[in-house]
Amino acid sequence: MKCPYCNHPDTRVIDSRPADDGCSIRRRRSCDVCGKRFTTYEKVETIPLIVIKKDSTREQYHRDKIESGVLRACYKRPVPTEKIQAAVDRIETKIFSMEAKEIPSSKIGEIVMEELKGLDEVAYVRFASVYREFKDVNTFMDELKKILE
């Protein structure tokens, strides 16, 4: 691994342990030339997942899109960052466990809504109102009735 400080092409591993997400390895490295230390993460390379959008266009899967949607839904809600990250991890695990090369965005949206329902009901309704494109108050009320039952 190349040193990010002096660009020396060889560094050594000081410590190696599983990362907090359980899906990657965290390595502390040291450069013998400049003496600086830095952290790297090693993750299993996956086959690129393609998302089929509502308009039938295709684009590569990006975790940050799910993360930003969940963060937007949880905006000003009493949901700790750790719980949001754990929810995004669970969403991603569900998506990749399907072992599909292509997945409709509608399926991803349903998985996100399912996860948000258990995380925060207000965040769930916020996400659902955008995702399901509520046209009027009656549609909104129907979704609220589902939660209350």
N, C-alpha and C. Protein backbone atom coordinates (compact mmCIF):
# COMPACT_ATOMS: atom_id res chain seq x y z
N MET A 1 0.85 -1.18 0.00
CA MET A 1 0.00 0.00 0.00
C MET A 1 0.89 1.23 0.00
N LYS A 2 0.58 2.17 -0.88
CA LYS A 2 1.37 3.39 -1.01
C LYS A 2 1.04 4.36 0.14
N CYS A 3 2.08 4.99 0.70
CA CYS A 3 1.92 5.95 1.78
C CYS A 3 1.25 7.22 1.24
N PRO A 4 0.17 7.69 1.88
CA PRO A 4 -0.51 8.89 1.39
C PRO A 4 0.26 10.18 1.68
N TYR A 5 1.30 10.10 2.52
CA TYR A 5 2.06 11.29 2.89
C TYR A 5 3.29 11.49 2.02
N CYS A 6 4.08 10.43 1.84
CA CYS A 6 5.34 10.58 1.08
C CYS A 6 5.34 9.79 -0.23
N ASN A 7 4.25 9.06 -0.50
CA ASN A 7 4.09 8.26 -1.72
C ASN A 7 5.07 7.10 -1.84
N HIS A 8 5.71 6.71 -0.75
CA HIS A 8 6.58 5.53 -0.78
C HIS A 8 5.70 4.32 -1.09
N PRO A 9 6.11 3.46 -2.02
CA PRO A 9 5.24 2.37 -2.47
C PRO A 9 5.06 1.21 -1.49
N ASP A 10 5.79 1.21 -0.38
CA ASP A 10 5.70 0.06 0.53
C ASP A 10 5.48 0.52 1.96
N THR A 11 4.41 0.00 2.58
CA THR A 11 4.13 0.28 3.99
C THR A 11 3.87 -1.05 4.68
N ARG A 12 3.91 -1.04 6.01
CA ARG A 12 3.66 -2.30 6.71
C ARG A 12 2.43 -2.17 7.60
N VAL A 13 1.78 -3.32 7.82
CA VAL A 13 0.59 -3.39 8.65
C VAL A 13 1.00 -3.53 10.11
N ILE A 14 0.49 -2.64 10.97
CA ILE A 14 0.78 -2.67 12.40
C ILE A 14 -0.31 -3.45 13.13
N ASP A 15 -1.57 -3.19 12.75
CA ASP A 15 -2.70 -3.81 13.43
C ASP A 15 -3.80 -4.10 12.41
N SER A 16 -4.48 -5.19 12.59
CA SER A 16 -5.55 -5.58 11.68
C SER A 16 -6.70 -6.14 12.49
N ARG A 17 -7.92 -5.61 12.25
CA ARG A 17 -9.09 -6.10 12.98
C ARG A 17 -10.35 -5.84 12.16
N PRO A 18 -11.44 -6.55 12.48
CA PRO A 18 -12.69 -6.30 11.75
C PRO A 18 -13.17 -4.87 12.02
N ALA A 19 -13.72 -4.24 11.00
CA ALA A 19 -14.26 -2.88 11.15
C ALA A 19 -15.60 -2.96 11.86
N ASP A 20 -16.12 -1.81 12.27
CA ASP A 20 -17.38 -1.75 13.01
C ASP A 20 -18.54 -2.35 12.24
N ASP A 21 -18.52 -2.22 10.90
CA ASP A 21 -19.63 -2.72 10.10
C ASP A 21 -19.62 -4.24 9.95
N GLY A 22 -18.51 -4.89 10.34
CA GLY A 22 -18.41 -6.34 10.25
C GLY A 22 -18.21 -6.87 8.85
N CYS A 23 -18.18 -5.99 7.87
CA CYS A 23 -18.06 -6.40 6.47
C CYS A 23 -16.71 -6.01 5.87
N SER A 24 -15.85 -5.43 6.66
CA SER A 24 -14.55 -5.02 6.15
C SER A 24 -13.50 -5.17 7.24
N ILE A 25 -12.24 -5.05 6.83
CA ILE A 25 -11.10 -5.16 7.75
C ILE A 25 -10.46 -3.78 7.87
N ARG A 26 -10.22 -3.37 9.10
CA ARG A 26 -9.54 -2.10 9.36
C ARG A 26 -8.08 -2.40 9.62
N ARG A 27 -7.20 -1.74 8.88
CA ARG A 27 -5.76 -1.97 9.06
C ARG A 27 -5.06 -0.66 9.40
N ARG A 28 -4.26 -0.68 10.45
CA ARG A 28 -3.38 0.45 10.78
C ARG A 28 -2.06 0.16 10.11
N ARG A 29 -1.57 1.12 9.37
CA ARG A 29 -0.32 0.94 8.62
C ARG A 29 0.68 2.01 9.02
N SER A 30 1.94 1.69 8.77
CA SER A 30 3.02 2.61 9.07
C SER A 30 3.99 2.64 7.89
N CYS A 31 4.48 3.84 7.60
CA CYS A 31 5.46 4.00 6.52
C CYS A 31 6.85 3.99 7.15
N ASP A 32 7.73 3.13 6.65
CA ASP A 32 9.09 3.04 7.18
C ASP A 32 9.94 4.23 6.78
N VAL A 33 9.56 4.92 5.70
CA VAL A 33 10.35 6.05 5.22
C VAL A 33 10.05 7.32 6.02
N CYS A 34 8.77 7.74 6.09
CA CYS A 34 8.44 9.00 6.78
C CYS A 34 7.95 8.79 8.21
N GLY A 35 7.63 7.54 8.58
CA GLY A 35 7.21 7.24 9.95
C GLY A 35 5.75 7.55 10.26
N LYS A 36 5.00 8.07 9.31
CA LYS A 36 3.59 8.41 9.56
C LYS A 36 2.74 7.15 9.58
N ARG A 37 1.60 7.24 10.28
CA ARG A 37 0.65 6.14 10.36
C ARG A 37 -0.66 6.54 9.72
N PHE A 38 -1.36 5.57 9.18
CA PHE A 38 -2.67 5.83 8.56
C PHE A 38 -3.50 4.56 8.59
N THR A 39 -4.79 4.71 8.34
CA THR A 39 -5.73 3.59 8.40
C THR A 39 -6.27 3.29 7.01
N THR A 40 -6.38 2.00 6.69
CA THR A 40 -7.01 1.58 5.43
C THR A 40 -8.12 0.59 5.78
N TYR A 41 -9.07 0.47 4.87
CA TYR A 41 -10.15 -0.50 5.03
C TYR A 41 -10.15 -1.41 3.82
N GLU A 42 -10.27 -2.69 4.08
CA GLU A 42 -10.29 -3.69 3.02
C GLU A 42 -11.69 -4.29 2.99
N LYS A 43 -12.30 -4.30 1.81
CA LYS A 43 -13.66 -4.78 1.66
C LYS A 43 -13.72 -5.74 0.48
N VAL A 44 -14.59 -6.72 0.57
CA VAL A 44 -14.75 -7.68 -0.51
C VAL A 44 -15.30 -6.95 -1.74
N GLU A 45 -14.68 -7.19 -2.87
CA GLU A 45 -15.14 -6.56 -4.10
C GLU A 45 -16.39 -7.30 -4.58
N THR A 46 -17.41 -6.52 -4.85
CA THR A 46 -18.66 -7.12 -5.30
C THR A 46 -18.89 -6.80 -6.78
N ILE A 47 -19.74 -7.60 -7.39
CA ILE A 47 -20.11 -7.34 -8.78
C ILE A 47 -20.95 -6.08 -8.79
N PRO A 48 -20.69 -5.15 -9.72
CA PRO A 48 -21.47 -3.91 -9.72
C PRO A 48 -22.96 -4.21 -9.87
N LEU A 49 -23.74 -3.59 -9.03
CA LEU A 49 -25.18 -3.75 -9.05
C LEU A 49 -25.78 -2.62 -9.86
N ILE A 50 -26.69 -2.95 -10.75
CA ILE A 50 -27.34 -1.96 -11.60
C ILE A 50 -28.76 -1.74 -11.08
N VAL A 51 -29.13 -0.47 -10.94
CA VAL A 51 -30.47 -0.10 -10.48
C VAL A 51 -31.29 0.32 -11.69
N ILE A 52 -32.48 -0.29 -11.82
CA ILE A 52 -33.40 0.06 -12.91
C ILE A 52 -34.36 1.12 -12.36
N LYS A 53 -34.27 2.32 -12.90
CA LYS A 53 -35.08 3.44 -12.43
C LYS A 53 -36.51 3.33 -12.94
N LYS A 54 -37.39 4.21 -12.44
CA LYS A 54 -38.81 4.20 -12.84
C LYS A 54 -38.98 4.42 -14.34
N ASP A 55 -38.09 5.25 -14.92
CA ASP A 55 -38.20 5.54 -16.36
C ASP A 55 -37.44 4.52 -17.21
N SER A 56 -37.09 3.38 -16.64
CA SER A 56 -36.39 2.26 -17.28
C SER A 56 -34.92 2.52 -17.60
N THR A 57 -34.39 3.66 -17.20
CA THR A 57 -32.95 3.88 -17.38
C THR A 57 -32.22 3.08 -16.31
N ARG A 58 -30.95 2.82 -16.56
CA ARG A 58 -30.15 2.03 -15.62
C ARG A 58 -28.95 2.84 -15.17
N GLU A 59 -28.63 2.68 -13.89
CA GLU A 59 -27.43 3.32 -13.36
C GLU A 59 -26.83 2.43 -12.28
N GLN A 60 -25.56 2.65 -12.01
CA GLN A 60 -24.87 1.83 -11.02
C GLN A 60 -25.37 2.18 -9.62
N TYR A 61 -25.44 1.17 -8.77
CA TYR A 61 -25.88 1.33 -7.38
C TYR A 61 -24.87 2.19 -6.63
N HIS A 62 -25.39 3.11 -5.81
CA HIS A 62 -24.55 3.95 -4.95
C HIS A 62 -25.14 3.98 -3.55
N ARG A 63 -24.38 3.51 -2.60
CA ARG A 63 -24.83 3.49 -1.20
C ARG A 63 -25.19 4.88 -0.71
N ASP A 64 -24.43 5.88 -1.14
CA ASP A 64 -24.64 7.24 -0.64
C ASP A 64 -26.04 7.78 -0.99
N LYS A 65 -26.66 7.28 -2.05
CA LYS A 65 -28.02 7.71 -2.39
C LYS A 65 -29.01 7.22 -1.34
N ILE A 66 -28.85 5.99 -0.91
CA ILE A 66 -29.72 5.44 0.14
C ILE A 66 -29.47 6.20 1.44
N GLU A 67 -28.20 6.40 1.73
CA GLU A 67 -27.82 7.09 2.96
C GLU A 67 -28.41 8.50 3.00
N SER A 68 -28.33 9.24 1.90
CA SER A 68 -28.86 10.60 1.89
C SER A 68 -30.38 10.60 2.00
N GLY A 69 -31.06 9.61 1.40
CA GLY A 69 -32.51 9.52 1.51
C GLY A 69 -32.95 9.25 2.94
N VAL A 70 -32.25 8.35 3.61
CA VAL A 70 -32.57 8.03 5.00
C VAL A 70 -32.26 9.22 5.90
N LEU A 71 -31.13 9.88 5.65
CA LEU A 71 -30.78 11.07 6.45
C LEU A 71 -31.81 12.18 6.27
N ARG A 72 -32.26 12.39 5.04
CA ARG A 72 -33.28 13.40 4.77
C ARG A 72 -34.59 13.07 5.49
N ALA A 73 -34.97 11.79 5.49
CA ALA A 73 -36.20 11.37 6.16
C ALA A 73 -36.09 11.54 7.67
N CYS A 74 -34.88 11.37 8.21
CA CYS A 74 -34.66 11.47 9.66
C CYS A 74 -34.26 12.87 10.11
N TYR A 75 -34.29 13.83 9.21
CA TYR A 75 -33.88 15.21 9.52
C TYR A 75 -34.68 15.75 10.71
N LYS A 76 -33.97 16.27 11.71
CA LYS A 76 -34.54 16.83 12.93
C LYS A 76 -35.40 15.84 13.71
N ARG A 77 -35.07 14.57 13.59
CA ARG A 77 -35.73 13.53 14.36
C ARG A 77 -34.74 13.00 15.39
N PRO A 78 -35.22 12.47 16.52
CA PRO A 78 -34.31 11.98 17.57
C PRO A 78 -33.75 10.59 17.25
N VAL A 79 -33.12 10.47 16.10
CA VAL A 79 -32.54 9.19 15.69
C VAL A 79 -31.02 9.34 15.68
N PRO A 80 -30.31 8.59 16.52
CA PRO A 80 -28.85 8.70 16.57
C PRO A 80 -28.20 8.27 15.25
N THR A 81 -27.09 8.88 14.94
CA THR A 81 -26.35 8.59 13.71
C THR A 81 -25.99 7.12 13.61
N GLU A 82 -25.64 6.51 14.74
CA GLU A 82 -25.26 5.09 14.74
C GLU A 82 -26.43 4.23 14.26
N LYS A 83 -27.63 4.57 14.69
CA LYS A 83 -28.81 3.79 14.27
C LYS A 83 -29.09 3.99 12.79
N ILE A 84 -28.87 5.20 12.30
CA ILE A 84 -29.07 5.46 10.87
C ILE A 84 -28.07 4.65 10.06
N GLN A 85 -26.79 4.66 10.47
CA GLN A 85 -25.77 3.90 9.76
C GLN A 85 -26.06 2.40 9.80
N ALA A 86 -26.52 1.92 10.95
CA ALA A 86 -26.86 0.50 11.08
C ALA A 86 -28.03 0.15 10.16
N ALA A 87 -29.00 1.05 10.06
CA ALA A 87 -30.15 0.82 9.17
C ALA A 87 -29.70 0.77 7.72
N VAL A 88 -28.83 1.69 7.31
CA VAL A 88 -28.31 1.70 5.95
C VAL A 88 -27.52 0.42 5.67
N ASP A 89 -26.76 -0.05 6.66
CA ASP A 89 -26.03 -1.31 6.52
C ASP A 89 -26.99 -2.48 6.30
N ARG A 90 -28.08 -2.50 7.08
CA ARG A 90 -29.07 -3.58 6.93
C ARG A 90 -29.76 -3.52 5.56
N ILE A 91 -30.07 -2.31 5.12
CA ILE A 91 -30.69 -2.13 3.80
C ILE A 91 -29.77 -2.68 2.73
N GLU A 92 -28.50 -2.28 2.80
CA GLU A 92 -27.52 -2.72 1.81
C GLU A 92 -27.33 -4.24 1.85
N THR A 93 -27.32 -4.81 3.04
CA THR A 93 -27.19 -6.27 3.17
C THR A 93 -28.37 -6.97 2.50
N LYS A 94 -29.58 -6.46 2.73
CA LYS A 94 -30.77 -7.05 2.10
C LYS A 94 -30.68 -6.96 0.58
N ILE A 95 -30.22 -5.82 0.08
CA ILE A 95 -30.13 -5.63 -1.37
C ILE A 95 -29.13 -6.61 -1.98
N PHE A 96 -27.94 -6.70 -1.38
CA PHE A 96 -26.92 -7.57 -1.94
C PHE A 96 -27.20 -9.05 -1.70
N SER A 97 -27.97 -9.37 -0.66
CA SER A 97 -28.28 -10.78 -0.41
C SER A 97 -29.27 -11.33 -1.44
N MET A 98 -29.89 -10.45 -2.20
CA MET A 98 -30.80 -10.89 -3.27
C MET A 98 -30.01 -11.52 -4.42
N GLU A 99 -28.71 -11.23 -4.45
CA GLU A 99 -27.79 -11.77 -5.45
C GLU A 99 -28.24 -11.53 -6.89
N ALA A 100 -28.86 -10.39 -7.12
CA ALA A 100 -29.28 -10.01 -8.47
C ALA A 100 -28.26 -9.04 -9.06
N LYS A 101 -28.11 -9.08 -10.36
CA LYS A 101 -27.20 -8.13 -11.02
C LYS A 101 -27.90 -6.81 -11.30
N GLU A 102 -29.23 -6.89 -11.42
CA GLU A 102 -30.04 -5.69 -11.63
C GLU A 102 -31.21 -5.74 -10.65
N ILE A 103 -31.55 -4.57 -10.10
CA ILE A 103 -32.65 -4.49 -9.15
C ILE A 103 -33.46 -3.23 -9.44
N PRO A 104 -34.79 -3.34 -9.45
CA PRO A 104 -35.61 -2.15 -9.68
C PRO A 104 -35.52 -1.18 -8.50
N SER A 105 -35.52 0.10 -8.77
CA SER A 105 -35.47 1.10 -7.70
C SER A 105 -36.68 0.97 -6.78
N SER A 106 -37.79 0.47 -7.33
CA SER A 106 -39.00 0.30 -6.51
C SER A 106 -38.74 -0.72 -5.40
N LYS A 107 -37.99 -1.76 -5.68
CA LYS A 107 -37.66 -2.78 -4.67
C LYS A 107 -36.78 -2.17 -3.59
N ILE A 108 -35.82 -1.36 -4.00
CA ILE A 108 -34.94 -0.68 -3.02
C ILE A 108 -35.78 0.23 -2.14
N GLY A 109 -36.71 0.98 -2.75
CA GLY A 109 -37.58 1.87 -1.99
C GLY A 109 -38.41 1.13 -0.96
N GLU A 110 -38.92 -0.04 -1.32
CA GLU A 110 -39.71 -0.84 -0.38
C GLU A 110 -38.85 -1.32 0.79
N ILE A 111 -37.61 -1.72 0.50
CA ILE A 111 -36.69 -2.17 1.55
C ILE A 111 -36.38 -1.00 2.50
N VAL A 112 -36.15 0.19 1.93
CA VAL A 112 -35.86 1.38 2.75
C VAL A 112 -37.06 1.70 3.64
N MET A 113 -38.27 1.67 3.05
CA MET A 113 -39.47 1.99 3.85
C MET A 113 -39.67 0.98 4.98
N GLU A 114 -39.43 -0.28 4.69
CA GLU A 114 -39.55 -1.33 5.71
C GLU A 114 -38.59 -1.05 6.87
N GLU A 115 -37.38 -0.65 6.55
CA GLU A 115 -36.37 -0.36 7.57
C GLU A 115 -36.73 0.90 8.35
N LEU A 116 -37.22 1.93 7.66
CA LEU A 116 -37.58 3.19 8.33
C LEU A 116 -38.79 3.01 9.25
N LYS A 117 -39.67 2.10 8.91
CA LYS A 117 -40.86 1.87 9.75
C LYS A 117 -40.43 1.45 11.15
N GLY A 118 -39.38 0.65 11.24
CA GLY A 118 -38.89 0.22 12.54
C GLY A 118 -37.98 1.24 13.21
N LEU A 119 -37.43 2.15 12.43
CA LEU A 119 -36.49 3.14 12.95
C LEU A 119 -37.21 4.36 13.53
N ASP A 120 -38.12 4.95 12.75
CA ASP A 120 -38.83 6.15 13.19
C ASP A 120 -40.06 6.32 12.30
N GLU A 121 -41.23 6.36 12.90
CA GLU A 121 -42.47 6.42 12.12
C GLU A 121 -42.61 7.70 11.32
N VAL A 122 -42.16 8.82 11.87
CA VAL A 122 -42.24 10.10 11.14
C VAL A 122 -41.31 10.05 9.93
N ALA A 123 -40.12 9.51 10.12
CA ALA A 123 -39.18 9.37 8.99
C ALA A 123 -39.78 8.46 7.93
N TYR A 124 -40.45 7.41 8.36
CA TYR A 124 -41.11 6.50 7.42
C TYR A 124 -42.15 7.24 6.58
N VAL A 125 -43.01 8.03 7.24
CA VAL A 125 -44.06 8.76 6.51
C VAL A 125 -43.44 9.80 5.58
N ARG A 126 -42.39 10.46 6.02
CA ARG A 126 -41.71 11.44 5.15
C ARG A 126 -41.19 10.76 3.89
N PHE A 127 -40.49 9.65 4.09
CA PHE A 127 -39.93 8.93 2.94
C PHE A 127 -41.03 8.41 2.03
N ALA A 128 -42.06 7.82 2.63
CA ALA A 128 -43.17 7.26 1.86
C ALA A 128 -43.90 8.32 1.05
N SER A 129 -44.04 9.52 1.63
CA SER A 129 -44.76 10.58 0.91
C SER A 129 -44.03 11.00 -0.36
N VAL A 130 -42.72 10.98 -0.33
CA VAL A 130 -41.94 11.31 -1.52
C VAL A 130 -41.86 10.10 -2.44
N TYR A 131 -41.56 8.94 -1.87
CA TYR A 131 -41.39 7.73 -2.67
C TYR A 131 -42.67 7.32 -3.39
N ARG A 132 -43.77 7.35 -2.67
CA ARG A 132 -45.05 6.93 -3.26
C ARG A 132 -45.78 8.07 -3.95
N GLU A 133 -45.17 9.26 -3.93
CA GLU A 133 -45.71 10.44 -4.62
C GLU A 133 -47.17 10.69 -4.24
N PHE A 134 -47.40 10.90 -2.94
CA PHE A 134 -48.76 11.18 -2.48
C PHE A 134 -49.32 12.38 -3.24
N LYS A 135 -50.51 12.21 -3.80
CA LYS A 135 -51.12 13.27 -4.61
C LYS A 135 -52.04 14.16 -3.79
N ASP A 136 -52.60 13.61 -2.70
CA ASP A 136 -53.53 14.39 -1.89
C ASP A 136 -53.49 13.92 -0.43
N VAL A 137 -54.26 14.60 0.40
CA VAL A 137 -54.28 14.31 1.82
C VAL A 137 -54.86 12.92 2.10
N ASN A 138 -55.82 12.47 1.28
CA ASN A 138 -56.43 11.16 1.50
C ASN A 138 -55.40 10.04 1.37
N THR A 139 -54.53 10.13 0.39
CA THR A 139 -53.48 9.13 0.21
C THR A 139 -52.55 9.13 1.42
N PHE A 140 -52.24 10.33 1.90
CA PHE A 140 -51.40 10.50 3.08
C PHE A 140 -52.08 9.87 4.30
N MET A 141 -53.36 10.12 4.46
CA MET A 141 -54.11 9.57 5.59
C MET A 141 -54.18 8.04 5.53
N ASP A 142 -54.32 7.49 4.33
CA ASP A 142 -54.35 6.03 4.17
C ASP A 142 -53.06 5.41 4.70
N GLU A 143 -51.93 6.05 4.38
CA GLU A 143 -50.62 5.55 4.84
C GLU A 143 -50.52 5.66 6.35
N LEU A 144 -51.02 6.76 6.93
CA LEU A 144 -50.99 6.93 8.38
C LEU A 144 -51.85 5.88 9.07
N LYS A 145 -52.99 5.55 8.47
CA LYS A 145 -53.87 4.53 9.06
C LYS A 145 -53.18 3.17 9.12
N LYS A 146 -52.36 2.86 8.10
CA LYS A 146 -51.61 1.60 8.08
C LYS A 146 -50.66 1.53 9.27
N ILE A 147 -50.04 2.66 9.59
CA ILE A 147 -49.09 2.69 10.71
C ILE A 147 -49.82 2.54 12.04
N LEU A 148 -50.97 3.20 12.16
CA LEU A 148 -51.70 3.20 13.42
C LEU A 148 -52.36 1.86 13.73
N GLU A 149 -52.58 1.03 12.72
CA GLU A 149 -53.23 -0.27 12.93
C GLU A 149 -52.27 -1.29 13.49
